[in-house]
Protein backbone atom coordinates (compact mmCIF):
# COMPACT_ATOMS: atom_id res chain seq x y z
CA PHE A 1 -0.03 0.08 -0.26
CA ARG A 2 1.32 3.04 -1.21
CA ARG A 3 0.11 6.62 0.34
CA GLN A 4 0.24 9.53 -2.12
CA VAL A 5 1.88 12.49 -0.18
CA ALA A 6 -0.06 15.42 -1.82
CA ALA A 7 1.06 18.26 1.25
CA ARG A 8 2.99 18.74 4.38
CA GLU A 9 2.21 19.72 8.15
CA PHE A 10 4.12 22.37 9.86
CA ARG A 11 4.92 20.88 13.75
CA ASN A 12 6.20 22.53 16.87
CA TYR A 13 8.01 20.49 19.48
CA PRO A 14 6.34 20.12 22.57
CA GLY A 15 7.28 22.09 25.35
CA PRO A 16 7.12 25.52 26.63
CA ASN A 17 9.99 27.18 25.03
CA VAL A 18 8.60 27.42 21.47
CA ARG A 19 9.08 30.69 20.36
CA PRO A 20 6.02 32.68 19.49
CA ASN A 21 6.70 32.92 15.69
CA HIS A 22 7.76 29.09 15.56
CA ALA A 23 3.99 28.53 17.10
CA ALA A 24 2.16 30.39 15.08
CA MET A 25 2.92 27.98 12.13
CA GLY A 26 1.80 24.62 14.63
CA GLY A 27 -0.59 22.74 12.67
CA PHE A 28 -0.23 24.73 9.37
CA VAL A 29 -0.71 22.30 6.48
CA ALA A 30 0.15 23.38 2.77
CA ALA A 31 0.32 21.28 -0.58
CA THR A 32 4.24 19.95 -1.18
CA SER A 33 4.32 22.42 -3.95
CA ASP A 34 3.09 25.43 -2.25
CA PRO A 35 5.76 28.41 -2.23
CA ILE A 36 5.37 29.08 1.30
CA TRP A 37 7.88 26.07 1.85
CA HIS A 38 10.34 28.34 0.34
CA VAL A 39 10.25 30.18 3.19
CA MET A 40 8.45 28.86 5.86
CA SER A 41 10.42 25.29 6.56
CA PRO A 42 12.33 24.38 9.35
CA PRO A 43 14.86 25.77 11.11
CA LEU A 44 12.83 29.01 11.19
CA GLY A 45 16.06 30.13 14.12
CA TYR A 46 19.08 29.25 15.77
CA ASN A 47 17.82 25.54 17.70
CA CYS A 48 14.82 25.48 16.34
CA ARG A 49 13.06 22.27 16.40
CA CYS A 50 9.95 22.39 14.61
CA SER A 51 9.55 19.89 11.37
CA LEU A 52 7.67 18.90 8.49
CA GLU A 53 5.75 15.40 8.26
CA PHE A 54 4.03 14.42 4.95
CA VAL A 55 0.15 14.34 4.68
CA GLY A 56 -1.68 12.17 2.11
CA GLN A 57 -4.49 12.89 -0.25
CA LYS A 58 -7.31 12.17 2.30
CA GLU A 59 -5.68 14.57 4.64
CA ALA A 60 -4.61 17.47 2.39
CA LEU A 61 -8.10 17.79 0.81
CA LYS A 62 -9.70 17.84 4.92
CA PHE A 63 -7.06 20.70 5.38
CA GLY A 64 -8.10 22.15 1.96
CA ALA A 65 -4.36 21.99 0.71
CA VAL A 66 -5.59 20.57 -2.66
CA SER A 67 -8.18 20.69 -4.75
CA PRO A 68 -9.88 17.10 -5.72
CA ASP A 69 -8.24 16.65 -8.55
CA GLY A 70 -4.89 17.48 -6.70
CA SER A 71 -3.94 20.58 -7.71
CA MET A 72 -2.55 23.13 -5.39
CA ILE A 73 -4.33 25.72 -3.46
CA PRO A 74 -2.18 28.23 -2.08
CA GLN A 75 -2.04 28.87 1.64
CA ASP A 76 -1.54 32.26 3.15
CA ARG A 77 1.15 32.09 6.18
CA PRO A 78 -0.72 32.43 9.30
CA ARG A 79 -0.49 35.62 11.31
CA GLY A 80 2.44 35.84 13.73
CA ALA A 81 4.25 32.87 11.74
CA PHE A 82 7.99 34.01 10.36
CA PRO A 83 11.72 33.15 10.20
CA ASP A 84 13.92 34.82 12.93
CA PRO A 85 16.12 37.54 11.25
CA GLY A 86 18.52 36.03 9.47
CA PHE A 87 16.79 33.05 8.88
CA LYS A 88 15.55 32.26 4.89
CA GLY A 89 13.10 35.20 4.28
CA ALA A 90 13.19 36.76 7.18
CA ALA A 91 13.07 40.59 7.32
CA THR A 92 16.29 41.85 7.86
């Protein structure tokens, strides 16, 4: 049995020390081809412990990351979510 990967889910490392800008991405789901991952893929900062988990077609449909035909539905970055200064597309 092979599950078709359609999207990724942003996961925060559990614990009290998650930075607010990283926590804002917790549970966010977007298609694997969504350009948001160019900026919002871990690591988002020094010692970042966040990760991305693959999401199958059914889950991606449920989260609205892909359409029934499998094409990407662009997702907006959650409010307050951004890389730390100096990382990826962060404003410097």
